[in-house]
C-alpha cells in the first residue's frame, strides 16, 4: 500500500513513523511519501494562499502550487486522490476498506479556509470527512485516514483476527478487554473469561458489544437491529 500526502506542514507526519504504521513502513509493507506543497509554489516567498474572491474572512490555498505538487506526486493519476474536508463523505469502516482496495492513495491536506474549488473539480476524486467538526487543517485527518487504512493492509497487524473483532467490524462497538492481574483495586475479571469455555466467552463478548452499543451509540444499535431482523 502506498500513501502520498500533500501538505504545507510535512513535519506533522513524523507521527506515522512510530508504532504499528512505523513498523509497517520499516518492513516495506506500507509506503508513505510526504510532499511539501510550498516547494512547488511559483512565488519567490513560497506563498500558497491568497484572499478569497467575494470577500470574507481567512485565506484560501491557491491552485498553482497544489496542481504542481499533485502532478509531481501522481503524474499518471494512478492514485485515488482524496481531499480531507468537513464537506466530504463520512469516513467509516466500509469506506476504509474501500480505500484499501485502491492500493495507492493521495491525500491532500487543506488549510486556512480551504483550497480553491478548481483544484477539487479538476484533480480530486473524492472528498472525505472524519467527523462533523472542523479542524485547523487536514493534517490530523490525513493521519487518521492513513492509520485506519494501514490496519487493513495484509501483514501490518501481527494478528489479522484483531481487525475482524474490533469495533464497527460487525456493526457493533467492541467488547471490554481484561488482562493480568485478575484482581485490581477491588475489581475482578469476569468469571466467564477465565472459565476456558470458548463458546461462553464468545457469547459474553457479543452480549457486551450489544449492551455497549445500545448505551453509547443508539444510532448504531438501531441499525444493527434493522440488519439483524431482515
Protein backbone atom coordinates (compact mmCIF):
# COMPACT_ATOMS: atom_id res chain seq x y z
CA UNK A 1 0.00 0.00 0.00
CA UNK A 2 1.35 3.42 -0.97
CA UNK A 3 0.07 6.66 0.57
CA UNK A 4 1.16 10.06 -0.72
CA UNK A 5 0.39 13.07 1.45
CA UNK A 6 0.39 16.68 0.23
CA UNK A 7 0.70 19.32 2.95
CA UNK A 8 2.26 22.64 3.94
CA UNK A 9 3.25 21.15 7.30
CA UNK A 10 5.17 17.94 6.47
CA UNK A 11 6.77 17.68 9.91
CA UNK A 12 3.42 16.69 11.41
CA UNK A 13 3.56 13.31 9.67
CA UNK A 14 6.54 12.11 11.67
CA UNK A 15 3.80 10.57 13.84
CA UNK A 16 3.33 7.85 11.21
CA UNK A 17 6.92 6.66 11.72
CA UNK A 18 6.02 5.18 15.10
CA UNK A 19 4.04 2.22 16.46
CA UNK A 20 2.24 -0.08 14.01
CA UNK A 21 2.50 2.20 10.97
CA UNK A 22 6.18 2.85 11.63
CA UNK A 23 6.92 -0.88 11.77
CA UNK A 24 4.96 -1.44 8.56
CA UNK A 25 6.95 1.31 6.81
CA UNK A 26 10.20 -0.18 8.11
CA UNK A 27 9.21 -3.63 6.84
CA UNK A 28 8.26 -2.28 3.41
CA UNK A 29 4.60 -3.28 3.75
CA UNK A 30 3.44 0.34 3.79
CA UNK A 31 4.99 3.25 1.90
CA UNK A 32 4.26 6.82 2.98
CA UNK A 33 5.59 9.77 0.98
CA UNK A 34 5.06 13.33 2.20
CA UNK A 35 5.21 16.24 -0.25
CA UNK A 36 5.58 19.85 0.85
CA UNK A 37 3.21 21.96 -1.26
CA UNK A 38 5.34 25.06 -0.58
CA UNK A 39 8.19 23.50 -2.57
CA UNK A 40 6.04 23.75 -5.70
CA UNK A 41 4.97 27.37 -5.33
CA UNK A 42 5.98 29.70 -8.18
CA UNK A 43 6.01 32.58 -5.70
CA UNK A 44 9.51 33.61 -4.59
CA UNK A 45 8.35 33.52 -0.97
CA UNK A 46 6.75 30.06 -1.46
CA UNK A 47 3.33 31.56 -0.83
CA UNK A 48 0.45 29.08 -1.06
CA UNK A 49 -2.59 31.20 -0.13
CA UNK A 50 -4.43 34.38 -1.11
CA UNK A 51 -7.55 36.39 -0.28
CA UNK A 52 -10.89 34.87 -1.36
CA UNK A 53 -12.87 36.34 -4.23
CA UNK A 54 -16.14 37.76 -2.96
CA UNK A 55 -14.61 38.78 0.36
CA UNK A 56 -14.85 37.08 3.71
CA UNK A 57 -12.50 36.17 6.49
CA UNK A 58 -9.44 33.99 6.17
CA UNK A 59 -7.34 32.92 3.24
CA UNK A 60 -7.71 30.27 0.53
CA UNK A 61 -4.98 27.96 -0.77
CA UNK A 62 -4.12 28.85 -4.37
CA UNK A 63 -4.38 26.28 -7.18
CA UNK A 64 -0.93 26.54 -8.81
CA UNK A 65 1.23 25.06 -6.02
CA UNK A 66 -1.30 22.29 -5.37
CA UNK A 67 -1.57 21.39 -9.05
CA UNK A 68 2.21 21.21 -9.49
CA UNK A 69 2.56 19.18 -6.30
CA UNK A 70 -0.15 16.72 -7.40
CA UNK A 71 1.50 16.44 -10.81
CA UNK A 72 4.86 15.65 -9.18
CA UNK A 73 3.41 13.14 -6.72
CA UNK A 74 1.00 11.39 -9.08
CA UNK A 75 1.78 12.31 -12.72
CA UNK A 76 -0.12 9.40 -14.27
CA UNK A 77 -3.07 9.62 -11.86
CA UNK A 78 -2.51 6.09 -10.60
CA UNK A 79 -3.54 7.05 -7.05
CA UNK A 80 -7.06 7.60 -5.76
CA UNK A 81 -6.96 11.29 -4.87
CA UNK A 82 -8.67 12.36 -1.67
CA UNK A 83 -9.17 15.83 -0.21
CA UNK A 84 -9.73 15.86 3.54
CA UNK A 85 -12.69 18.14 4.13
CA UNK A 86 -15.62 18.55 6.57
CA UNK A 87 -17.79 18.72 3.44
CA UNK A 88 -16.77 15.23 2.36
CA UNK A 89 -18.30 11.78 2.75
CA UNK A 90 -18.10 10.48 6.31
CA UNK A 91 -15.23 8.10 6.98
CA UNK A 92 -16.40 4.76 8.36
CA UNK A 93 -15.10 1.22 8.35
CA UNK A 94 -16.68 0.42 4.99
CA UNK A 95 -15.07 3.48 3.44
CA UNK A 96 -11.71 2.46 4.93
CA UNK A 97 -11.96 -0.97 3.29
CA UNK A 98 -12.86 0.71 0.00
CA UNK A 99 -9.79 2.95 0.21
CA UNK A 100 -7.51 -0.02 0.87
CA UNK A 101 -8.75 -1.53 -2.37
CA UNK A 102 -7.22 1.26 -4.43
CA UNK A 103 -3.70 0.22 -3.46
CA UNK A 104 -2.42 3.79 -3.79
CA UNK A 105 -3.84 6.93 -2.19
CA UNK A 106 -3.05 10.62 -2.50
CA UNK A 107 -4.25 12.65 0.48
CA UNK A 108 -4.48 16.43 0.06
CA UNK A 109 -4.46 18.45 3.27
CA UNK A 110 -6.17 21.82 3.09
CA UNK A 111 -5.54 24.74 5.41
CA UNK A 112 -6.93 28.18 6.22
CA UNK A 113 -10.47 28.39 4.72
CA UNK A 114 -9.74 25.52 2.33
CA UNK A 115 -8.46 25.18 -1.22
CA UNK A 116 -9.52 26.78 -4.50
CA UNK A 117 -12.55 24.85 -5.77
CA UNK A 118 -10.98 24.41 -9.20
CA UNK A 119 -8.36 22.11 -7.67
CA UNK A 120 -11.12 19.85 -6.42
CA UNK A 121 -13.07 19.97 -9.69
CA UNK A 122 -10.05 19.18 -11.86
CA UNK A 123 -7.76 16.94 -9.85
CA UNK A 124 -9.50 15.32 -6.85
CA UNK A 125 -11.51 12.08 -6.99
CA UNK A 126 -13.25 12.27 -3.63
CA UNK A 127 -13.67 14.40 -0.51
CA UNK A 128 -13.68 12.64 2.86
CA UNK A 129 -14.55 13.91 6.35
CA UNK A 130 -13.50 12.18 9.56
CA UNK A 131 -16.36 13.73 11.57
CA UNK A 132 -18.86 16.52 11.98
CA UNK A 133 -16.41 19.11 13.26
CA UNK A 134 -13.84 21.49 11.79
CA UNK A 135 -10.07 21.16 12.27
CA UNK A 136 -7.45 23.84 11.72
CA UNK A 137 -6.09 21.81 8.81
CA UNK A 138 -6.33 18.48 7.04
CA UNK A 139 -3.16 17.02 8.53
CA UNK A 140 -4.79 15.41 11.56
CA UNK A 141 -7.50 13.94 9.33
CA UNK A 142 -4.89 12.56 6.92
CA UNK A 143 -3.11 10.82 9.80
CA UNK A 144 -6.42 9.27 10.86
CA UNK A 145 -7.11 8.03 7.33
CA UNK A 146 -3.58 6.66 6.88
CA UNK A 147 -3.69 4.88 10.23
CA UNK A 148 -7.13 3.35 9.57
CA UNK A 149 -6.13 2.19 6.10
CA UNK A 150 -2.82 0.74 7.28
CA UNK A 151 -4.60 -1.62 9.68
CA UNK A 152 -6.28 -3.39 6.76
CA UNK A 153 -3.11 -3.89 4.74
CA UNK A 154 -2.11 -7.58 4.98
CA UNK A 155 0.90 -8.06 7.25
CA UNK A 156 0.63 -4.74 9.10
CA UNK A 157 -1.04 -6.22 12.18
CA UNK A 158 0.61 -9.19 13.84
CA UNK A 159 -2.79 -10.82 14.38
CA UNK A 160 -5.14 -10.37 11.41
CA UNK A 161 -8.06 -11.51 13.61
CA UNK A 162 -7.74 -8.21 15.51
CA UNK A 163 -9.27 -6.35 12.56
CA UNK A 164 -12.20 -8.76 12.38
CA UNK A 165 -13.10 -8.41 16.06
CA UNK A 166 -12.64 -4.68 16.68
CA UNK A 167 -15.34 -2.01 16.88
CA UNK A 168 -17.57 -1.49 13.81
CA UNK A 169 -16.41 -4.73 12.14
CA UNK A 170 -19.87 -6.25 12.64
CA UNK A 171 -21.82 -3.05 13.17
CA UNK A 172 -21.28 -3.08 16.95
CA UNK A 173 -18.80 -1.45 19.31
CA UNK A 174 -16.11 -3.68 20.76
CA UNK A 175 -16.49 -5.67 23.99
CA UNK A 176 -14.36 -4.88 27.12
CA UNK A 177 -10.83 -6.26 27.45
CA UNK A 178 -9.06 -7.58 30.56
CA UNK A 179 -5.54 -8.80 31.35
CA UNK A 180 -3.44 -9.62 34.42
CA UNK A 181 -3.75 -9.19 37.36
CA UNK A 182 -7.04 -10.99 37.88
CA UNK A 183 -7.96 -8.51 40.62
CA UNK A 184 -7.14 -4.78 40.55
CA UNK A 185 -8.26 -2.27 43.21
CA UNK A 186 -11.17 -4.50 44.23
CA UNK A 187 -12.39 -5.20 40.70
CA UNK A 188 -12.08 -8.71 39.31
CA UNK A 189 -12.07 -10.11 35.79
CA UNK A 190 -15.48 -11.52 34.79
CA UNK A 191 -15.54 -15.21 35.67
CA UNK A 192 -16.58 -16.27 32.18
CA UNK A 193 -13.27 -15.03 30.74
CA UNK A 194 -11.25 -17.38 32.91
CA UNK A 195 -13.62 -20.34 32.55
CA UNK A 196 -11.88 -21.75 29.49
CA UNK A 197 -15.28 -22.24 27.82
CA UNK A 198 -14.80 -20.62 24.40
CA UNK A 199 -18.46 -20.66 23.39
CA UNK A 200 -19.47 -18.92 26.63
CA UNK A 201 -16.69 -16.35 26.18
CA UNK A 202 -17.87 -15.61 22.63
CA UNK A 203 -21.48 -15.26 23.81
CA UNK A 204 -20.45 -12.91 26.65
CA UNK A 205 -18.41 -10.74 24.31
CA UNK A 206 -21.29 -10.45 21.84
CA UNK A 207 -23.69 -9.57 24.66
CA UNK A 208 -21.32 -6.89 25.95
CA UNK A 209 -20.89 -5.44 22.45
CA UNK A 210 -24.65 -5.15 22.10
CA UNK A 211 -25.03 -3.50 25.53
CA UNK A 212 -22.21 -1.03 24.95
CA UNK A 213 -23.51 -0.11 21.50
CA UNK A 214 -27.03 0.41 22.81
CA UNK A 215 -25.71 2.69 25.56
CA UNK A 216 -23.05 4.70 23.71
CA UNK A 217 -24.25 4.67 20.08
CA UNK A 218 -28.03 4.20 19.87
CA UNK A 219 -27.84 5.10 16.16
CA UNK A 220 -25.58 2.11 15.50
CA UNK A 221 -27.73 -0.09 17.73
CA UNK A 222 -30.87 0.75 15.75
CA UNK A 223 -29.02 -0.02 12.52
CA UNK A 224 -27.80 -3.31 13.99
CA UNK A 225 -31.37 -4.31 14.91
CA UNK A 226 -32.62 -3.46 11.42
CA UNK A 227 -29.91 -5.58 9.81
CA UNK A 228 -30.49 -8.42 12.28
CA UNK A 229 -34.24 -8.52 11.65
CA UNK A 230 -34.04 -8.52 7.87
